[in-house]
Amino acid sequence: MHVSLHNFFSKPLRGTESNKSRMEILKELVGNRTVLIGVGEITTPEQAAAALSSDVELVALGRALLLDPDWLGKVRDGREDQLKNKLFQRDLPELLFPKKMWEHPDILPLIQAADD
């Protein structure tokens, strides 16, 4: 089951007295009956490691891979200092995403005009 949350580690706002994250609650409910894949604002190697240690079987990366398609290779090779965490106008042609995607309200605020 693929679960996309705004934040992987977020806790429910209501409906439970538990201090567990939504993903931890879902994992308890699902158990080992199916694979649980979690995604949500995981942008650093530390966050990915923490997410994997929460008993989900797989962690998906969204925005991190949009900003840096070589994210996994850089982390694997110990080049975390080279990870891109901003999107620049100059990157758009290289990333080959459709123009409509760049105009999406969630993506537009991420695009920087120049290095800063």
N, C-alpha and C. Protein backbone atom coordinates (compact mmCIF):
# COMPACT_ATOMS: atom_id res chain seq x y z
N MET A 1 0.85 -1.15 0.00
CA MET A 1 0.00 0.00 0.00
C MET A 1 0.91 1.23 0.00
N HIS A 2 0.68 2.13 -0.93
CA HIS A 2 1.46 3.36 -1.04
C HIS A 2 0.70 4.49 -0.37
N VAL A 3 1.32 5.07 0.67
CA VAL A 3 0.67 6.13 1.44
C VAL A 3 1.46 7.42 1.30
N SER A 4 0.82 8.42 0.74
CA SER A 4 1.47 9.72 0.56
C SER A 4 0.90 10.70 1.58
N LEU A 5 1.77 11.15 2.47
CA LEU A 5 1.39 12.13 3.48
C LEU A 5 2.13 13.43 3.23
N HIS A 6 1.59 14.51 3.73
CA HIS A 6 2.30 15.78 3.61
C HIS A 6 3.66 15.67 4.29
N ASN A 7 3.69 14.97 5.42
CA ASN A 7 4.93 14.75 6.14
C ASN A 7 4.91 13.32 6.67
N PHE A 8 5.89 12.53 6.29
CA PHE A 8 5.98 11.13 6.68
C PHE A 8 5.84 10.95 8.19
N PHE A 9 6.41 11.86 8.96
CA PHE A 9 6.49 11.72 10.42
C PHE A 9 5.34 12.41 11.16
N SER A 10 4.36 12.93 10.43
CA SER A 10 3.28 13.69 11.07
C SER A 10 2.41 12.80 11.94
N LYS A 11 1.84 13.43 12.95
CA LYS A 11 0.96 12.74 13.88
C LYS A 11 -0.48 13.18 13.62
N PRO A 12 -1.43 12.30 13.89
CA PRO A 12 -2.84 12.68 13.68
C PRO A 12 -3.22 13.89 14.53
N LEU A 13 -4.05 14.74 13.97
CA LEU A 13 -4.51 15.92 14.69
C LEU A 13 -5.68 15.60 15.60
N ARG A 14 -6.41 14.55 15.27
CA ARG A 14 -7.57 14.18 16.07
C ARG A 14 -7.89 12.71 15.83
N GLY A 15 -8.75 12.17 16.68
CA GLY A 15 -9.22 10.80 16.49
C GLY A 15 -8.42 9.75 17.24
N THR A 16 -7.36 10.16 17.94
CA THR A 16 -6.58 9.20 18.69
C THR A 16 -5.84 9.91 19.82
N GLU A 17 -5.61 9.20 20.87
CA GLU A 17 -4.82 9.71 21.98
C GLU A 17 -3.36 9.29 21.85
N SER A 18 -3.07 8.50 20.83
CA SER A 18 -1.73 7.96 20.63
C SER A 18 -0.75 9.07 20.25
N ASN A 19 0.49 8.90 20.64
CA ASN A 19 1.55 9.83 20.27
C ASN A 19 2.32 9.31 19.06
N LYS A 20 1.79 8.27 18.41
CA LYS A 20 2.46 7.67 17.26
C LYS A 20 2.17 8.46 15.99
N SER A 21 3.08 8.34 15.03
CA SER A 21 2.86 8.99 13.74
C SER A 21 1.78 8.25 12.97
N ARG A 22 1.24 8.93 11.96
CA ARG A 22 0.22 8.30 11.11
C ARG A 22 0.77 7.02 10.49
N MET A 23 2.04 7.08 10.04
CA MET A 23 2.63 5.92 9.39
C MET A 23 2.79 4.75 10.36
N GLU A 24 3.15 5.04 11.61
CA GLU A 24 3.26 3.97 12.61
C GLU A 24 1.89 3.34 12.88
N ILE A 25 0.86 4.15 12.95
CA ILE A 25 -0.49 3.64 13.16
C ILE A 25 -0.92 2.78 11.99
N LEU A 26 -0.65 3.25 10.76
CA LEU A 26 -1.00 2.46 9.57
C LEU A 26 -0.25 1.13 9.56
N LYS A 27 1.02 1.15 9.92
CA LYS A 27 1.81 -0.09 9.92
C LYS A 27 1.22 -1.09 10.91
N GLU A 28 0.79 -0.61 12.06
CA GLU A 28 0.15 -1.50 13.04
C GLU A 28 -1.13 -2.11 12.46
N LEU A 29 -1.91 -1.29 11.76
CA LEU A 29 -3.16 -1.78 11.18
C LEU A 29 -2.92 -2.77 10.05
N VAL A 30 -1.94 -2.49 9.21
CA VAL A 30 -1.65 -3.32 8.05
C VAL A 30 -0.87 -4.57 8.46
N GLY A 31 0.02 -4.41 9.43
CA GLY A 31 0.85 -5.54 9.85
C GLY A 31 1.69 -6.05 8.70
N ASN A 32 1.77 -7.36 8.58
CA ASN A 32 2.56 -7.97 7.50
C ASN A 32 1.69 -8.47 6.37
N ARG A 33 0.42 -8.02 6.33
CA ARG A 33 -0.49 -8.49 5.29
C ARG A 33 -0.14 -7.93 3.92
N THR A 34 0.49 -6.75 3.89
CA THR A 34 0.89 -6.15 2.62
C THR A 34 2.07 -5.23 2.87
N VAL A 35 2.78 -4.91 1.83
CA VAL A 35 3.92 -4.00 1.92
C VAL A 35 3.41 -2.57 2.10
N LEU A 36 4.04 -1.83 3.00
CA LEU A 36 3.68 -0.43 3.22
C LEU A 36 4.80 0.46 2.68
N ILE A 37 4.44 1.36 1.77
CA ILE A 37 5.37 2.32 1.19
C ILE A 37 4.95 3.70 1.67
N GLY A 38 5.88 4.44 2.25
CA GLY A 38 5.56 5.76 2.76
C GLY A 38 6.31 6.86 2.04
N VAL A 39 5.66 8.00 1.89
CA VAL A 39 6.28 9.16 1.26
C VAL A 39 5.72 10.41 1.92
N GLY A 40 6.54 11.46 1.97
CA GLY A 40 6.08 12.73 2.50
C GLY A 40 7.19 13.57 3.08
N GLU A 41 7.66 14.55 2.32
CA GLU A 41 8.68 15.51 2.77
C GLU A 41 9.97 14.85 3.26
N ILE A 42 10.35 13.76 2.64
CA ILE A 42 11.64 13.14 2.95
C ILE A 42 12.64 13.70 1.96
N THR A 43 13.53 14.56 2.46
CA THR A 43 14.46 15.24 1.57
C THR A 43 15.93 15.02 1.93
N THR A 44 16.20 14.48 3.10
CA THR A 44 17.60 14.29 3.51
C THR A 44 17.87 12.80 3.75
N PRO A 45 19.13 12.40 3.66
CA PRO A 45 19.45 11.00 3.95
C PRO A 45 19.06 10.61 5.38
N GLU A 46 19.18 11.53 6.31
CA GLU A 46 18.82 11.24 7.70
C GLU A 46 17.31 10.97 7.82
N GLN A 47 16.50 11.75 7.11
CA GLN A 47 15.06 11.53 7.14
C GLN A 47 14.71 10.19 6.50
N ALA A 48 15.39 9.85 5.41
CA ALA A 48 15.13 8.57 4.74
C ALA A 48 15.49 7.40 5.67
N ALA A 49 16.62 7.50 6.36
CA ALA A 49 17.03 6.45 7.29
C ALA A 49 16.03 6.33 8.44
N ALA A 50 15.58 7.46 8.97
CA ALA A 50 14.60 7.44 10.06
C ALA A 50 13.29 6.82 9.58
N ALA A 51 12.88 7.15 8.36
CA ALA A 51 11.64 6.59 7.82
C ALA A 51 11.77 5.07 7.66
N LEU A 52 12.90 4.61 7.16
CA LEU A 52 13.10 3.18 7.00
C LEU A 52 13.16 2.45 8.34
N SER A 53 13.61 3.13 9.36
CA SER A 53 13.68 2.49 10.68
C SER A 53 12.32 2.44 11.37
N SER A 54 11.30 3.00 10.74
CA SER A 54 9.95 3.01 11.32
C SER A 54 9.14 1.77 10.94
N ASP A 55 9.77 0.79 10.38
CA ASP A 55 9.15 -0.50 10.02
C ASP A 55 8.36 -0.51 8.71
N VAL A 56 8.32 0.60 7.98
CA VAL A 56 7.74 0.52 6.64
C VAL A 56 8.73 -0.25 5.77
N GLU A 57 8.22 -0.95 4.79
CA GLU A 57 9.10 -1.75 3.95
C GLU A 57 9.87 -0.90 2.93
N LEU A 58 9.20 0.14 2.42
CA LEU A 58 9.83 0.99 1.41
C LEU A 58 9.51 2.45 1.68
N VAL A 59 10.44 3.31 1.28
CA VAL A 59 10.26 4.76 1.39
C VAL A 59 10.38 5.32 -0.02
N ALA A 60 9.43 6.15 -0.39
CA ALA A 60 9.46 6.79 -1.70
C ALA A 60 9.92 8.23 -1.53
N LEU A 61 10.64 8.72 -2.51
CA LEU A 61 11.08 10.11 -2.53
C LEU A 61 10.37 10.81 -3.67
N GLY A 62 9.83 11.96 -3.40
CA GLY A 62 9.14 12.73 -4.42
C GLY A 62 9.94 13.97 -4.78
N ARG A 63 9.73 15.01 -4.01
CA ARG A 63 10.37 16.29 -4.28
C ARG A 63 11.90 16.19 -4.33
N ALA A 64 12.47 15.37 -3.46
CA ALA A 64 13.94 15.22 -3.44
C ALA A 64 14.46 14.75 -4.79
N LEU A 65 13.74 13.80 -5.42
CA LEU A 65 14.17 13.31 -6.73
C LEU A 65 13.84 14.28 -7.86
N LEU A 66 12.79 15.08 -7.68
CA LEU A 66 12.51 16.11 -8.68
C LEU A 66 13.61 17.16 -8.69
N LEU A 67 14.08 17.52 -7.51
CA LEU A 67 15.14 18.53 -7.42
C LEU A 67 16.49 17.98 -7.82
N ASP A 68 16.73 16.70 -7.57
CA ASP A 68 18.03 16.10 -7.86
C ASP A 68 17.85 14.64 -8.27
N PRO A 69 17.71 14.37 -9.58
CA PRO A 69 17.49 13.00 -10.04
C PRO A 69 18.61 12.03 -9.62
N ASP A 70 19.78 12.54 -9.30
CA ASP A 70 20.90 11.68 -8.86
C ASP A 70 21.00 11.63 -7.34
N TRP A 71 19.91 11.92 -6.64
CA TRP A 71 19.89 11.95 -5.17
C TRP A 71 20.43 10.65 -4.59
N LEU A 72 19.89 9.53 -5.03
CA LEU A 72 20.28 8.24 -4.47
C LEU A 72 21.76 7.94 -4.73
N GLY A 73 22.22 8.22 -5.94
CA GLY A 73 23.63 7.99 -6.26
C GLY A 73 24.56 8.83 -5.41
N LYS A 74 24.19 10.08 -5.19
CA LYS A 74 25.01 10.96 -4.36
C LYS A 74 25.05 10.47 -2.92
N VAL A 75 23.91 10.04 -2.40
CA VAL A 75 23.86 9.53 -1.02
C VAL A 75 24.67 8.24 -0.92
N ARG A 76 24.47 7.35 -1.87
CA ARG A 76 25.19 6.07 -1.88
C ARG A 76 26.70 6.28 -1.91
N ASP A 77 27.15 7.30 -2.66
CA ASP A 77 28.58 7.56 -2.82
C ASP A 77 29.15 8.50 -1.76
N GLY A 78 28.33 8.86 -0.77
CA GLY A 78 28.81 9.73 0.30
C GLY A 78 28.98 11.18 -0.12
N ARG A 79 28.20 11.62 -1.13
CA ARG A 79 28.31 12.99 -1.62
C ARG A 79 27.08 13.81 -1.22
N GLU A 80 26.63 13.64 0.02
CA GLU A 80 25.45 14.35 0.49
C GLU A 80 25.60 15.86 0.38
N ASP A 81 26.84 16.34 0.46
CA ASP A 81 27.08 17.79 0.37
C ASP A 81 26.76 18.33 -1.02
N GLN A 82 26.58 17.45 -2.01
CA GLN A 82 26.27 17.87 -3.38
C GLN A 82 24.78 17.78 -3.70
N LEU A 83 23.97 17.37 -2.74
CA LEU A 83 22.53 17.26 -3.00
C LEU A 83 21.93 18.63 -3.29
N LYS A 84 21.10 18.69 -4.30
CA LYS A 84 20.40 19.93 -4.63
C LYS A 84 19.14 20.01 -3.78
N ASN A 85 18.93 21.13 -3.12
CA ASN A 85 17.70 21.31 -2.35
C ASN A 85 16.90 22.51 -2.83
N LYS A 86 17.34 23.08 -3.94
CA LYS A 86 16.61 24.17 -4.59
C LYS A 86 16.59 23.89 -6.08
N LEU A 87 15.63 24.46 -6.73
CA LEU A 87 15.46 24.31 -8.16
C LEU A 87 15.72 25.66 -8.82
N PHE A 88 16.58 25.67 -9.82
CA PHE A 88 16.93 26.91 -10.50
C PHE A 88 16.42 26.88 -11.94
N GLN A 89 16.12 28.05 -12.45
CA GLN A 89 15.66 28.17 -13.83
C GLN A 89 16.57 27.40 -14.78
N ARG A 90 17.87 27.49 -14.58
CA ARG A 90 18.82 26.84 -15.48
C ARG A 90 18.69 25.31 -15.48
N ASP A 91 18.09 24.73 -14.43
CA ASP A 91 17.94 23.28 -14.33
C ASP A 91 16.77 22.74 -15.15
N LEU A 92 15.82 23.59 -15.49
CA LEU A 92 14.59 23.12 -16.11
C LEU A 92 14.80 22.33 -17.40
N PRO A 93 15.62 22.81 -18.35
CA PRO A 93 15.79 22.03 -19.58
C PRO A 93 16.43 20.66 -19.33
N GLU A 94 17.35 20.58 -18.40
CA GLU A 94 18.04 19.33 -18.10
C GLU A 94 17.10 18.29 -17.49
N LEU A 95 16.14 18.74 -16.71
CA LEU A 95 15.26 17.81 -16.01
C LEU A 95 14.14 17.25 -16.89
N LEU A 96 13.88 17.88 -18.02
CA LEU A 96 12.96 17.38 -19.04
C LEU A 96 11.52 17.14 -18.58
N PHE A 97 11.05 17.91 -17.62
CA PHE A 97 9.66 17.79 -17.22
C PHE A 97 8.81 18.69 -18.08
N PRO A 98 7.55 18.33 -18.30
CA PRO A 98 6.67 19.16 -19.12
C PRO A 98 6.49 20.55 -18.53
N LYS A 99 6.31 21.53 -19.39
CA LYS A 99 6.16 22.91 -18.96
C LYS A 99 5.01 23.08 -17.96
N LYS A 100 3.91 22.36 -18.18
CA LYS A 100 2.76 22.47 -17.27
C LYS A 100 3.15 22.08 -15.84
N MET A 101 4.08 21.17 -15.71
CA MET A 101 4.51 20.78 -14.37
C MET A 101 5.21 21.93 -13.68
N TRP A 102 6.05 22.65 -14.41
CA TRP A 102 6.78 23.78 -13.81
C TRP A 102 5.85 24.91 -13.44
N GLU A 103 4.70 24.97 -14.08
CA GLU A 103 3.74 26.03 -13.79
C GLU A 103 2.77 25.65 -12.67
N HIS A 104 2.89 24.45 -12.14
CA HIS A 104 1.99 23.99 -11.08
C HIS A 104 2.22 24.84 -9.82
N PRO A 105 1.15 25.20 -9.11
CA PRO A 105 1.28 26.07 -7.93
C PRO A 105 2.19 25.52 -6.83
N ASP A 106 2.34 24.20 -6.75
CA ASP A 106 3.22 23.63 -5.73
C ASP A 106 4.69 23.69 -6.14
N ILE A 107 4.96 23.79 -7.43
CA ILE A 107 6.34 23.79 -7.92
C ILE A 107 6.87 25.20 -8.13
N LEU A 108 6.04 26.10 -8.62
CA LEU A 108 6.49 27.47 -8.90
C LEU A 108 7.27 28.12 -7.76
N PRO A 109 6.82 28.02 -6.51
CA PRO A 109 7.57 28.67 -5.43
C PRO A 109 8.96 28.08 -5.20
N LEU A 110 9.19 26.88 -5.70
CA LEU A 110 10.49 26.23 -5.51
C LEU A 110 11.56 26.73 -6.49
N ILE A 111 11.12 27.31 -7.59
CA ILE A 111 12.05 27.69 -8.65
C ILE A 111 12.73 29.01 -8.31
N GLN A 112 14.04 28.97 -8.28
CA GLN A 112 14.86 30.15 -8.01
C GLN A 112 15.32 30.73 -9.36
N ALA A 113 15.34 32.04 -9.46
CA ALA A 113 15.79 32.68 -10.71
C ALA A 113 17.28 32.46 -10.94
N ALA A 114 18.08 32.57 -9.89
CA ALA A 114 19.53 32.41 -10.00
C ALA A 114 20.07 31.89 -8.68
N ASP A 115 21.33 31.49 -8.70
CA ASP A 115 21.96 31.02 -7.47
C ASP A 115 21.86 32.09 -6.39
N ASP A 116 21.53 31.65 -5.18
CA ASP A 116 21.55 32.59 -4.05
C ASP A 116 22.07 31.90 -2.82
